[in-house]
Amino acid sequence: MISRRNIRVKVMQLLYMMEAAETSVTRQKPEIELKKQFDQTTALFVYLLYFITEVARYAETHAVKGASKNLPTTADLNINTKIAGNELLWTILESATFQKAVETHTPSKLIDQDLVRKTYTELTALTQYQEYISVPAREKAKEKEIIKIIFTHLMLPNESFISHVEEHFNNWDDDAEMMEQLILNYFQKPSSYNMQEMVSQEKWQFAKSLLLTSIEKKEIATDLIKPKLKNWDAERIAQLDMILMRMGVCELLYFETIPTKVTINEYIDLAKEYSTQQSGQFVNGILDNIHKELTDAGKIQKINYKK
C-alpha cells in the first residue's frame, strides 16, 4: 500500500507542478489531479508486476517452442520450467485483486513480448538462476529471491525496459523510486495488498487534506517561514525547499494526530532526497525554529490518535 511518505512526495510534486504551470486548471480542482496521479501510480504498479509474471511464465513458452522444432536437440527437450511453477508467481497470479487489476488496467495491451523473451533469456544466463533450477525442491526464500532478481537485476537496470516503460507511463520518472519500494514490499506480503485500493480511504483523506491545506494556508505558512530566513532571499531559495517547508508548517499546525518529530524528520528526508545538497540541513533549521516558536506560543495542539 502507498505510504504517507509516498503521499507527501506526490503532494510535493503536484504543488511544484502547479506553481510551475501557466494554466490555472489544476488550481481549480487540485484533488482531482491528485487522484488521477494515484490512479497512474496504480496502473504502473500493475504493469510492472504483470511484466514480472510474463517473464517467469515464459519458461513454459520456451519449452513448448523447443519441443516443437523439426529437429529438437536434447537441450530443447529438457528446458527447465521450474520457475513457471514458482510459489510467489502463483500467489500473484491467483490473487483476486491482481486479476481484477489486470482486467481494469489491461497491461497485456502494452506488453512487449520480444522484451519479455529477451529478459527471460538474460535471466537463464544468470548464475543465480542456474543455482535455482539445479535444486528440485522449493524453498520459500529462494522462490521469492529469483522473482525479485527479475525485477532488480534485469528490469530496473535495463535501458530498453526503462525506455519501454517511459513510452507508456509518463509518471515513471516521478514514481520510479516509489515503485521499487512498493514492488519489493509486495513480494514480502502479497496478500496484504489490495490493488483496487492502493491508497486507503484514511490515507486518501490525509493526501487530500495535505494538498488543500498546503494551498489554502500558503500565505500563513509563508509568513511564518520568511522571518526565519535571516540573510536568505526568499525569492532565491529553491522552490522545492519552500514547498516542503510550507507543507511541514501545515502539518505542524493543522494535523493534530501527526507527532511534530515525525513531521520534521519526514520533510528533512524529502529535502535531502529531492532538492539540493544543503536542503536537508536548511529545512531542518527553519522547521525546528518555527516548531519552537509555535510551541512556546501554544499554537501546536497534538492529540494521541490511539487514545
C-alpha atoms as a PDB file:
ATOM      1  CA  MET A   1       0.000   0.000   0.000  1.00  0.00           C
ATOM      2  CA  ILE A   2       1.104   3.553  -0.666  1.00  0.00           C
ATOM      3  CA  SER A   3       2.629   5.037   2.496  1.00  0.00           C
ATOM      4  CA  ARG A   4       2.296   8.516   3.972  1.00  0.00           C
ATOM      5  CA  ARG A   5       5.811   9.223   2.778  1.00  0.00           C
ATOM      6  CA  ASN A   6       4.743   8.324  -0.777  1.00  0.00           C
ATOM      7  CA  ILE A   7       1.756  10.637  -0.325  1.00  0.00           C
ATOM      8  CA  ARG A   8       3.937  13.540   0.789  1.00  0.00           C
ATOM      9  CA  VAL A   9       6.085  13.039  -2.315  1.00  0.00           C
ATOM     10  CA  LYS A  10       3.008  13.055  -4.564  1.00  0.00           C
ATOM     11  CA  VAL A  11       1.629  16.223  -2.943  1.00  0.00           C
ATOM     12  CA  MET A  12       5.044  17.882  -3.193  1.00  0.00           C
ATOM     13  CA  GLN A  13       5.293  17.014  -6.891  1.00  0.00           C
ATOM     14  CA  LEU A  14       1.802  18.308  -7.618  1.00  0.00           C
ATOM     15  CA  LEU A  15       2.372  21.577  -5.735  1.00  0.00           C
ATOM     16  CA  TYR A  16       5.620  22.063  -7.634  1.00  0.00           C
ATOM     17  CA  MET A  17       3.840  21.374 -10.929  1.00  0.00           C
ATOM     18  CA  MET A  18       1.057  23.812 -10.048  1.00  0.00           C
ATOM     19  CA  GLU A  19       3.492  26.605  -9.241  1.00  0.00           C
ATOM     20  CA  ALA A  20       5.486  25.965 -12.400  1.00  0.00           C
ATOM     21  CA  ALA A  21       2.447  25.614 -14.692  1.00  0.00           C
ATOM     22  CA  GLU A  22       0.968  28.575 -16.508  1.00  0.00           C
ATOM     23  CA  THR A  23      -2.547  27.143 -16.593  1.00  0.00           C
ATOM     24  CA  SER A  24      -4.947  27.503 -13.676  1.00  0.00           C
ATOM     25  CA  VAL A  25      -6.920  24.347 -14.483  1.00  0.00           C
ATOM     26  CA  THR A  26      -5.144  22.302 -11.828  1.00  0.00           C
ATOM     27  CA  ARG A  27      -5.731  25.028  -9.240  1.00  0.00           C
ATOM     28  CA  GLN A  28      -9.499  24.768  -9.663  1.00  0.00           C
ATOM     29  CA  LYS A  29      -9.758  21.108  -8.644  1.00  0.00           C
ATOM     30  CA  PRO A  30      -6.294  20.033  -7.453  1.00  0.00           C
ATOM     31  CA  GLU A  31      -7.658  16.959  -5.638  1.00  0.00           C
ATOM     32  CA  ILE A  32      -8.918  15.598  -8.977  1.00  0.00           C
ATOM     33  CA  GLU A  33      -5.401  15.849 -10.400  1.00  0.00           C
ATOM     34  CA  LEU A  34      -4.011  14.174  -7.283  1.00  0.00           C
ATOM     35  CA  LYS A  35      -6.490  11.306  -7.643  1.00  0.00           C
ATOM     36  CA  LYS A  36      -5.505  10.952 -11.301  1.00  0.00           C
ATOM     37  CA  GLN A  37      -1.848  10.704 -10.302  1.00  0.00           C
ATOM     38  CA  PHE A  38      -2.580   7.969  -7.788  1.00  0.00           C
ATOM     39  CA  ASP A  39      -4.514   6.086 -10.486  1.00  0.00           C
ATOM     40  CA  GLN A  40      -1.481   6.362 -12.799  1.00  0.00           C
ATOM     41  CA  THR A  41       0.731   5.058 -10.000  1.00  0.00           C
ATOM     42  CA  THR A  42      -1.548   2.039  -9.571  1.00  0.00           C
ATOM     43  CA  ALA A  43      -1.540   1.334 -13.313  1.00  0.00           C
ATOM     44  CA  LEU A  44       2.269   1.440 -13.374  1.00  0.00           C
ATOM     45  CA  PHE A  45       2.487  -0.868 -10.351  1.00  0.00           C
ATOM     46  CA  VAL A  46       0.157  -3.382 -12.000  1.00  0.00           C
ATOM     47  CA  TYR A  47       2.120  -3.270 -15.251  1.00  0.00           C
ATOM     48  CA  LEU A  48       5.467  -3.927 -13.539  1.00  0.00           C
ATOM     49  CA  LEU A  49       4.006  -6.911 -11.679  1.00  0.00           C
ATOM     50  CA  TYR A  50       2.411  -8.205 -14.875  1.00  0.00           C
ATOM     51  CA  PHE A  51       5.717  -7.952 -16.758  1.00  0.00           C
ATOM     52  CA  ILE A  52       7.487  -9.900 -13.999  1.00  0.00           C
ATOM     53  CA  THR A  53       4.905 -12.690 -14.205  1.00  0.00           C
ATOM     54  CA  GLU A  54       5.202 -12.814 -18.000  1.00  0.00           C
ATOM     55  CA  VAL A  55       8.983 -13.251 -17.776  1.00  0.00           C
ATOM     56  CA  ALA A  56       8.655 -16.096 -15.254  1.00  0.00           C
ATOM     57  CA  ARG A  57       5.920 -17.823 -17.268  1.00  0.00           C
ATOM     58  CA  TYR A  58       7.962 -17.574 -20.466  1.00  0.00           C
ATOM     59  CA  ALA A  59       9.836 -20.697 -19.336  1.00  0.00           C
ATOM     60  CA  GLU A  60       6.849 -22.759 -20.468  1.00  0.00           C
ATOM     61  CA  THR A  61       6.655 -20.925 -23.800  1.00  0.00           C
ATOM     62  CA  HIS A  62      10.363 -21.564 -24.262  1.00  0.00           C
ATOM     63  CA  ALA A  63       9.901 -25.265 -23.517  1.00  0.00           C
ATOM     64  CA  VAL A  64       6.991 -25.593 -25.974  1.00  0.00           C
ATOM     65  CA  LYS A  65       8.940 -23.823 -28.732  1.00  0.00           C
ATOM     66  CA  GLY A  66      11.967 -26.031 -28.110  1.00  0.00           C
ATOM     67  CA  ALA A  67       9.948 -29.246 -28.262  1.00  0.00           C
ATOM     68  CA  SER A  68       8.124 -28.051 -31.420  1.00  0.00           C
ATOM     69  CA  LYS A  69      11.270 -27.723 -33.517  1.00  0.00           C
ATOM     70  CA  ASN A  70      11.616 -30.044 -36.522  1.00  0.00           C
ATOM     71  CA  LEU A  71      14.827 -31.458 -35.106  1.00  0.00           C
ATOM     72  CA  PRO A  72      14.829 -30.626 -31.398  1.00  0.00           C
ATOM     73  CA  THR A  73      18.078 -31.162 -29.530  1.00  0.00           C
ATOM     74  CA  THR A  74      18.355 -32.821 -26.155  1.00  0.00           C
ATOM     75  CA  ALA A  75      18.590 -29.341 -24.645  1.00  0.00           C
ATOM     76  CA  ASP A  76      15.406 -28.297 -26.462  1.00  0.00           C
ATOM     77  CA  LEU A  77      13.555 -31.246 -24.987  1.00  0.00           C
ATOM     78  CA  ASN A  78      14.863 -30.681 -21.458  1.00  0.00           C
ATOM     79  CA  ILE A  79      14.250 -26.987 -20.789  1.00  0.00           C
ATOM     80  CA  ASN A  80      13.773 -26.491 -17.066  1.00  0.00           C
ATOM     81  CA  THR A  81      10.382 -24.899 -16.308  1.00  0.00           C
ATOM     82  CA  LYS A  82      10.707 -24.789 -12.520  1.00  0.00           C
ATOM     83  CA  ILE A  83      10.262 -21.003 -12.411  1.00  0.00           C
ATOM     84  CA  ALA A  84       6.910 -21.266 -14.210  1.00  0.00           C
ATOM     85  CA  GLY A  85       5.609 -23.035 -11.104  1.00  0.00           C
ATOM     86  CA  ASN A  86       7.224 -20.597  -8.694  1.00  0.00           C
ATOM     87  CA  GLU A  87       5.186 -20.265  -5.491  1.00  0.00           C
ATOM     88  CA  LEU A  88       5.349 -16.458  -5.329  1.00  0.00           C
ATOM     89  CA  LEU A  89       4.485 -16.242  -9.028  1.00  0.00           C
ATOM     90  CA  TRP A  90       1.303 -18.247  -8.490  1.00  0.00           C
ATOM     91  CA  THR A  91       0.420 -16.344  -5.335  1.00  0.00           C
ATOM     92  CA  ILE A  92       0.386 -13.259  -7.555  1.00  0.00           C
ATOM     93  CA  LEU A  93      -1.421 -14.873 -10.471  1.00  0.00           C
ATOM     94  CA  GLU A  94      -4.129 -16.406  -8.290  1.00  0.00           C
ATOM     95  CA  SER A  95      -4.711 -13.223  -6.315  1.00  0.00           C
ATOM     96  CA  ALA A  96      -8.248 -11.963  -6.953  1.00  0.00           C
ATOM     97  CA  THR A  97      -7.113  -8.355  -6.530  1.00  0.00           C
ATOM     98  CA  PHE A  98      -4.330  -8.825  -9.111  1.00  0.00           C
ATOM     99  CA  GLN A  99      -6.717 -10.483 -11.553  1.00  0.00           C
ATOM    100  CA  LYS A 100      -9.177  -7.617 -11.149  1.00  0.00           C
ATOM    101  CA  ALA A 101      -6.381  -5.055 -11.600  1.00  0.00           C
ATOM    102  CA  VAL A 102      -5.228  -6.786 -14.805  1.00  0.00           C
ATOM    103  CA  GLU A 103      -8.807  -6.691 -16.071  1.00  0.00           C
ATOM    104  CA  THR A 104      -9.105  -2.992 -15.216  1.00  0.00           C
ATOM    105  CA  HIS A 105      -5.733  -1.713 -16.430  1.00  0.00           C
ATOM    106  CA  THR A 106      -5.209  -4.203 -19.309  1.00  0.00           C
ATOM    107  CA  PRO A 107      -1.389  -4.387 -19.106  1.00  0.00           C
ATOM    108  CA  SER A 108      -1.487  -7.074 -21.811  1.00  0.00           C
ATOM    109  CA  LYS A 109      -2.170  -4.326 -24.360  1.00  0.00           C
ATOM    110  CA  LEU A 110       1.154  -2.677 -23.540  1.00  0.00           C
ATOM    111  CA  ILE A 111       3.363  -5.732 -23.104  1.00  0.00           C
ATOM    112  CA  ASP A 112       6.331  -6.119 -25.451  1.00  0.00           C
ATOM    113  CA  GLN A 113       6.693  -9.872 -25.911  1.00  0.00           C
ATOM    114  CA  ASP A 114      10.089  -9.519 -27.560  1.00  0.00           C
ATOM    115  CA  LEU A 115      11.318  -7.646 -24.484  1.00  0.00           C
ATOM    116  CA  VAL A 116       9.812 -10.358 -22.266  1.00  0.00           C
ATOM    117  CA  ARG A 117      11.714 -13.003 -24.251  1.00  0.00           C
ATOM    118  CA  LYS A 118      14.998 -11.085 -24.039  1.00  0.00           C
ATOM    119  CA  THR A 119      14.564 -10.563 -20.297  1.00  0.00           C
ATOM    120  CA  TYR A 120      13.882 -14.275 -19.815  1.00  0.00           C
ATOM    121  CA  THR A 121      16.974 -15.157 -21.871  1.00  0.00           C
ATOM    122  CA  GLU A 122      19.089 -12.866 -19.698  1.00  0.00           C
ATOM    123  CA  LEU A 123      17.577 -14.486 -16.613  1.00  0.00           C
ATOM    124  CA  THR A 124      18.549 -18.001 -17.721  1.00  0.00           C
ATOM    125  CA  ALA A 125      22.150 -16.869 -18.166  1.00  0.00           C
ATOM    126  CA  LEU A 126      22.473 -15.746 -14.547  1.00  0.00           C
ATOM    127  CA  THR A 127      24.367 -17.891 -12.051  1.00  0.00           C
ATOM    128  CA  GLN A 128      21.558 -17.338  -9.533  1.00  0.00           C
ATOM    129  CA  TYR A 129      19.070 -18.836 -11.994  1.00  0.00           C
ATOM    130  CA  GLN A 130      21.243 -21.879 -12.692  1.00  0.00           C
ATOM    131  CA  GLU A 131      21.547 -22.453  -8.958  1.00  0.00           C
ATOM    132  CA  TYR A 132      17.774 -22.044  -8.568  1.00  0.00           C
ATOM    133  CA  ILE A 133      16.840 -24.651 -11.173  1.00  0.00           C
ATOM    134  CA  SER A 134      19.548 -27.077 -10.010  1.00  0.00           C
ATOM    135  CA  VAL A 135      17.603 -27.723  -6.802  1.00  0.00           C
ATOM    136  CA  PRO A 136      14.317 -29.613  -7.393  1.00  0.00           C
ATOM    137  CA  ALA A 137      12.856 -28.646  -4.006  1.00  0.00           C
ATOM    138  CA  ARG A 138      11.087 -25.333  -3.492  1.00  0.00           C
ATOM    139  CA  GLU A 139      12.409 -23.171  -0.681  1.00  0.00           C
ATOM    140  CA  LYS A 140      10.235 -20.173   0.185  1.00  0.00           C
ATOM    141  CA  ALA A 141      13.168 -17.759   0.405  1.00  0.00           C
ATOM    142  CA  LYS A 142      14.643 -18.956  -2.913  1.00  0.00           C
ATOM    143  CA  GLU A 143      11.244 -18.713  -4.613  1.00  0.00           C
ATOM    144  CA  LYS A 144      10.982 -15.042  -3.613  1.00  0.00           C
ATOM    145  CA  GLU A 145      14.606 -14.280  -4.394  1.00  0.00           C
ATOM    146  CA  ILE A 146      14.503 -15.427  -8.025  1.00  0.00           C
ATOM    147  CA  ILE A 147      11.346 -13.380  -8.739  1.00  0.00           C
ATOM    148  CA  LYS A 148      12.965 -10.401  -7.040  1.00  0.00           C
ATOM    149  CA  ILE A 149      16.035 -10.801  -9.277  1.00  0.00           C
ATOM    150  CA  ILE A 150      13.893 -10.441 -12.405  1.00  0.00           C
ATOM    151  CA  PHE A 151      12.839  -7.012 -11.153  1.00  0.00           C
ATOM    152  CA  THR A 152      16.016  -5.690  -9.517  1.00  0.00           C
ATOM    153  CA  HIS A 153      18.698  -7.206 -11.784  1.00  0.00           C
ATOM    154  CA  LEU A 154      17.020  -7.392 -15.173  1.00  0.00           C
ATOM    155  CA  MET A 155      14.249  -4.784 -15.382  1.00  0.00           C
ATOM    156  CA  LEU A 156      15.359  -1.743 -13.406  1.00  0.00           C
ATOM    157  CA  PRO A 157      18.951  -1.564 -14.786  1.00  0.00           C
ATOM    158  CA  ASN A 158      17.807  -2.308 -18.361  1.00  0.00           C
ATOM    159  CA  GLU A 159      17.732   0.816 -20.550  1.00  0.00           C
ATOM    160  CA  SER A 160      15.492  -0.872 -23.113  1.00  0.00           C
ATOM    161  CA  PHE A 161      12.974  -1.777 -20.443  1.00  0.00           C
ATOM    162  CA  ILE A 162      13.039   1.710 -18.901  1.00  0.00           C
ATOM    163  CA  SER A 163      12.543   3.284 -22.329  1.00  0.00           C
ATOM    164  CA  HIS A 164       9.623   0.937 -22.897  1.00  0.00           C
ATOM    165  CA  VAL A 165       8.022   1.921 -19.579  1.00  0.00           C
ATOM    166  CA  GLU A 166       8.621   5.636 -20.154  1.00  0.00           C
ATOM    167  CA  GLU A 167       6.891   5.347 -23.519  1.00  0.00           C
ATOM    168  CA  HIS A 168       3.691   4.137 -21.873  1.00  0.00           C
ATOM    169  CA  PHE A 169       3.847   5.773 -18.434  1.00  0.00           C
ATOM    170  CA  ASN A 170       4.746   9.457 -18.234  1.00  0.00           C
ATOM    171  CA  ASN A 171       4.815   9.163 -14.426  1.00  0.00           C
ATOM    172  CA  TRP A 172       7.822   6.799 -14.424  1.00  0.00           C
ATOM    173  CA  ASP A 173      10.375   9.496 -13.550  1.00  0.00           C
ATOM    174  CA  ASP A 174       8.276  10.666 -10.613  1.00  0.00           C
ATOM    175  CA  ASP A 175       7.328   7.186  -9.421  1.00  0.00           C
ATOM    176  CA  ALA A 176      10.434   5.074 -10.120  1.00  0.00           C
ATOM    177  CA  GLU A 177      11.773   5.090  -6.565  1.00  0.00           C
ATOM    178  CA  MET A 178       8.304   4.525  -5.118  1.00  0.00           C
ATOM    179  CA  MET A 179       7.769   1.594  -7.483  1.00  0.00           C
ATOM    180  CA  GLU A 180      10.951  -0.134  -6.371  1.00  0.00           C
ATOM    181  CA  GLN A 181       9.866   0.172  -2.756  1.00  0.00           C
ATOM    182  CA  LEU A 182       6.263  -0.929  -3.414  1.00  0.00           C
ATOM    183  CA  ILE A 183       7.184  -3.944  -5.545  1.00  0.00           C
ATOM    184  CA  LEU A 184       9.773  -5.225  -3.068  1.00  0.00           C
ATOM    185  CA  ASN A 185       7.327  -4.727  -0.187  1.00  0.00           C
ATOM    186  CA  TYR A 186       4.680  -6.578  -2.194  1.00  0.00           C
ATOM    187  CA  PHE A 187       6.976  -9.581  -2.616  1.00  0.00           C
ATOM    188  CA  GLN A 188       7.210  -9.825   1.180  1.00  0.00           C
ATOM    189  CA  LYS A 189       3.444  -9.760   1.836  1.00  0.00           C
ATOM    190  CA  PRO A 190       1.477 -10.050  -1.401  1.00  0.00           C
ATOM    191  CA  SER A 191      -1.747 -10.927   0.425  1.00  0.00           C
ATOM    192  CA  SER A 192      -1.738  -7.561   2.231  1.00  0.00           C
ATOM    193  CA  TYR A 193      -2.121  -5.575  -0.994  1.00  0.00           C
ATOM    194  CA  ASN A 194      -5.472  -4.535  -2.424  1.00  0.00           C
ATOM    195  CA  MET A 195      -4.785  -3.198  -5.909  1.00  0.00           C
ATOM    196  CA  GLN A 196      -8.271  -1.749  -6.100  1.00  0.00           C
ATOM    197  CA  GLU A 197      -7.349   0.459  -3.150  1.00  0.00           C
ATOM    198  CA  MET A 198      -3.626   1.218  -3.267  1.00  0.00           C
ATOM    199  CA  VAL A 199      -4.481   4.329  -1.260  1.00  0.00           C
ATOM    200  CA  SER A 200      -6.799   3.511   1.646  1.00  0.00           C
ATOM    201  CA  GLN A 201      -9.665   5.870   2.445  1.00  0.00           C
ATOM    202  CA  GLU A 202      -7.837   7.102   5.523  1.00  0.00           C
ATOM    203  CA  LYS A 203      -4.671   7.848   3.557  1.00  0.00           C
ATOM    204  CA  TRP A 204      -6.641   9.440   0.722  1.00  0.00           C
ATOM    205  CA  GLN A 205      -8.193  11.822   3.250  1.00  0.00           C
ATOM    206  CA  PHE A 206      -4.709  12.623   4.517  1.00  0.00           C
ATOM    207  CA  ALA A 207      -3.445  13.201   0.962  1.00  0.00           C
ATOM    208  CA  LYS A 208      -6.350  15.446   0.007  1.00  0.00           C
ATOM    209  CA  SER A 209      -6.176  17.388   3.280  1.00  0.00           C
ATOM    210  CA  LEU A 210      -2.419  17.889   2.991  1.00  0.00           C
ATOM    211  CA  LEU A 211      -2.766  19.157  -0.574  1.00  0.00           C
ATOM    212  CA  LEU A 212      -5.687  21.509   0.060  1.00  0.00           C
ATOM    213  CA  THR A 213      -4.299  22.783   3.365  1.00  0.00           C
ATOM    214  CA  SER A 214      -0.913  23.483   1.761  1.00  0.00           C
ATOM    215  CA  ILE A 215      -2.720  25.538  -0.893  1.00  0.00           C
ATOM    216  CA  GLU A 216      -5.235  27.305   1.336  1.00  0.00           C
ATOM    217  CA  LYS A 217      -2.763  28.096   4.145  1.00  0.00           C
ATOM    218  CA  LYS A 218       0.120  29.031   1.849  1.00  0.00           C
ATOM    219  CA  GLU A 219       0.167  32.665   2.995  1.00  0.00           C
ATOM    220  CA  ILE A 220       0.087  31.780   6.705  1.00  0.00           C
ATOM    221  CA  ALA A 221       2.892  29.240   6.283  1.00  0.00           C
ATOM    222  CA  THR A 222       4.990  31.629   4.181  1.00  0.00           C
ATOM    223  CA  ASP A 223       4.589  34.408   6.773  1.00  0.00           C
ATOM    224  CA  LEU A 224       5.977  32.047   9.413  1.00  0.00           C
ATOM    225  CA  ILE A 225       8.888  30.963   7.226  1.00  0.00           C
ATOM    226  CA  LYS A 226      10.121  34.332   5.894  1.00  0.00           C
ATOM    227  CA  PRO A 227      11.262  35.852   9.256  1.00  0.00           C
ATOM    228  CA  LYS A 228      13.404  32.754   9.859  1.00  0.00           C
ATOM    229  CA  LEU A 229      15.339  33.094   6.619  1.00  0.00           C
ATOM    230  CA  LYS A 230      17.618  35.794   8.069  1.00  0.00           C
ATOM    231  CA  ASN A 231      20.103  36.646   5.301  1.00  0.00           C
ATOM    232  CA  TRP A 232      18.399  34.393   2.772  1.00  0.00           C
ATOM    233  CA  ASP A 233      16.387  35.979  -0.006  1.00  0.00           C
ATOM    234  CA  ALA A 234      13.039  34.145  -0.048  1.00  0.00           C
ATOM    235  CA  GLU A 235      12.836  34.573  -3.817  1.00  0.00           C
ATOM    236  CA  ARG A 236      16.203  32.870  -4.339  1.00  0.00           C
ATOM    237  CA  ILE A 237      15.571  29.841  -2.140  1.00  0.00           C
ATOM    238  CA  ALA A 238      14.985  26.618  -4.049  1.00  0.00           C
ATOM    239  CA  GLN A 239      11.289  26.451  -4.918  1.00  0.00           C
ATOM    240  CA  LEU A 240      11.114  22.859  -3.745  1.00  0.00           C
ATOM    241  CA  ASP A 241      12.543  23.808  -0.344  1.00  0.00           C
ATOM    242  CA  MET A 242       9.824  26.439   0.108  1.00  0.00           C
ATOM    243  CA  ILE A 243       7.129  23.937  -0.847  1.00  0.00           C
ATOM    244  CA  LEU A 244       8.469  21.341   1.596  1.00  0.00           C
ATOM    245  CA  MET A 245       8.722  23.885   4.408  1.00  0.00           C
ATOM    246  CA  ARG A 246       5.167  25.114   3.780  1.00  0.00           C
ATOM    247  CA  MET A 247       3.897  21.538   3.837  1.00  0.00           C
ATOM    248  CA  GLY A 248       5.816  20.942   7.060  1.00  0.00           C
ATOM    249  CA  VAL A 249       4.388  24.038   8.727  1.00  0.00           C
ATOM    250  CA  CYS A 250       0.877  22.998   7.693  1.00  0.00           C
ATOM    251  CA  GLU A 251       1.388  19.578   9.273  1.00  0.00           C
ATOM    252  CA  LEU A 252       2.683  21.168  12.473  1.00  0.00           C
ATOM    253  CA  LEU A 253      -0.335  23.457  12.729  1.00  0.00           C
ATOM    254  CA  TYR A 254      -3.269  21.580  11.258  1.00  0.00           C
ATOM    255  CA  PHE A 255      -2.611  17.826  11.512  1.00  0.00           C
ATOM    256  CA  GLU A 256      -3.142  17.158  15.181  1.00  0.00           C
ATOM    257  CA  THR A 257      -2.549  13.371  15.103  1.00  0.00           C
ATOM    258  CA  ILE A 258       0.890  13.555  13.475  1.00  0.00           C
ATOM    259  CA  PRO A 259       3.714  13.982  16.031  1.00  0.00           C
ATOM    260  CA  THR A 260       5.880  17.035  15.390  1.00  0.00           C
ATOM    261  CA  LYS A 261       9.070  14.938  15.372  1.00  0.00           C
ATOM    262  CA  VAL A 262       7.660  12.732  12.619  1.00  0.00           C
ATOM    263  CA  THR A 263       6.715  15.766  10.517  1.00  0.00           C
ATOM    264  CA  ILE A 264      10.097  17.470  10.823  1.00  0.00           C
ATOM    265  CA  ASN A 265      12.073  14.275  10.120  1.00  0.00           C
ATOM    266  CA  GLU A 266       9.937  13.456   7.084  1.00  0.00           C
ATOM    267  CA  TYR A 267      10.500  16.828   5.443  1.00  0.00           C
ATOM    268  CA  ILE A 268      14.223  16.816   6.229  1.00  0.00           C
ATOM    269  CA  ASP A 269      14.496  13.446   4.446  1.00  0.00           C
ATOM    270  CA  LEU A 270      12.448  14.634   1.464  1.00  0.00           C
ATOM    271  CA  ALA A 271      14.575  17.781   1.153  1.00  0.00           C
ATOM    272  CA  LYS A 272      17.773  15.699   1.183  1.00  0.00           C
ATOM    273  CA  GLU A 273      16.395  13.345  -1.427  1.00  0.00           C
ATOM    274  CA  TYR A 274      14.590  15.646  -3.833  1.00  0.00           C
ATOM    275  CA  SER A 275      16.173  19.082  -3.502  1.00  0.00           C
ATOM    276  CA  THR A 276      19.738  20.416  -3.205  1.00  0.00           C
ATOM    277  CA  GLN A 277      22.665  19.006  -1.250  1.00  0.00           C
ATOM    278  CA  GLN A 278      22.265  21.578   1.533  1.00  0.00           C
ATOM    279  CA  SER A 279      18.471  21.421   1.646  1.00  0.00           C
ATOM    280  CA  GLY A 280      18.148  18.857   4.428  1.00  0.00           C
ATOM    281  CA  GLN A 281      20.093  20.946   6.913  1.00  0.00           C
ATOM    282  CA  PHE A 282      18.386  24.144   5.744  1.00  0.00           C
ATOM    283  CA  VAL A 283      14.838  22.749   6.065  1.00  0.00           C
ATOM    284  CA  ASN A 284      15.756  21.210   9.431  1.00  0.00           C
ATOM    285  CA  GLY A 285      16.892  24.574  10.813  1.00  0.00           C
ATOM    286  CA  ILE A 286      13.837  26.502   9.611  1.00  0.00           C
ATOM    287  CA  LEU A 287      11.204  23.941  10.666  1.00  0.00           C
ATOM    288  CA  ASP A 288      12.844  23.373  14.046  1.00  0.00           C
ATOM    289  CA  ASN A 289      12.890  27.140  14.663  1.00  0.00           C
ATOM    290  CA  ILE A 290       9.238  27.522  13.688  1.00  0.00           C
ATOM    291  CA  HIS A 291       8.293  24.494  15.793  1.00  0.00           C
ATOM    292  CA  LYS A 292       9.863  26.054  18.906  1.00  0.00           C
ATOM    293  CA  GLU A 293       8.155  29.389  18.273  1.00  0.00           C
ATOM    294  CA  LEU A 294       4.726  27.804  17.756  1.00  0.00           C
ATOM    295  CA  THR A 295       5.150  25.551  20.789  1.00  0.00           C
ATOM    296  CA  ASP A 296       6.101  28.495  23.022  1.00  0.00           C
ATOM    297  CA  ALA A 297       3.045  30.385  21.750  1.00  0.00           C
ATOM    298  CA  GLY A 298       0.801  27.389  22.486  1.00  0.00           C
ATOM    299  CA  LYS A 299      -0.246  27.121  18.848  1.00  0.00           C
ATOM    300  CA  ILE A 300       0.646  23.463  18.346  1.00  0.00           C
ATOM    301  CA  GLN A 301      -2.030  21.146  19.697  1.00  0.00           C
ATOM    302  CA  LYS A 302      -1.383  17.449  19.195  1.00  0.00           C
ATOM    303  CA  ILE A 303      -3.523  14.534  20.346  1.00  0.00           C
ATOM    304  CA  ASN A 304      -2.757  10.847  20.770  1.00  0.00           C
ATOM    305  CA  TYR A 305      -4.633   9.191  17.888  1.00  0.00           C
ATOM    306  CA  LYS A 306      -4.710   5.811  19.621  1.00  0.00           C
ATOM    307  CA  LYS A 307      -6.348   7.287  22.704  1.00  0.00           C
END
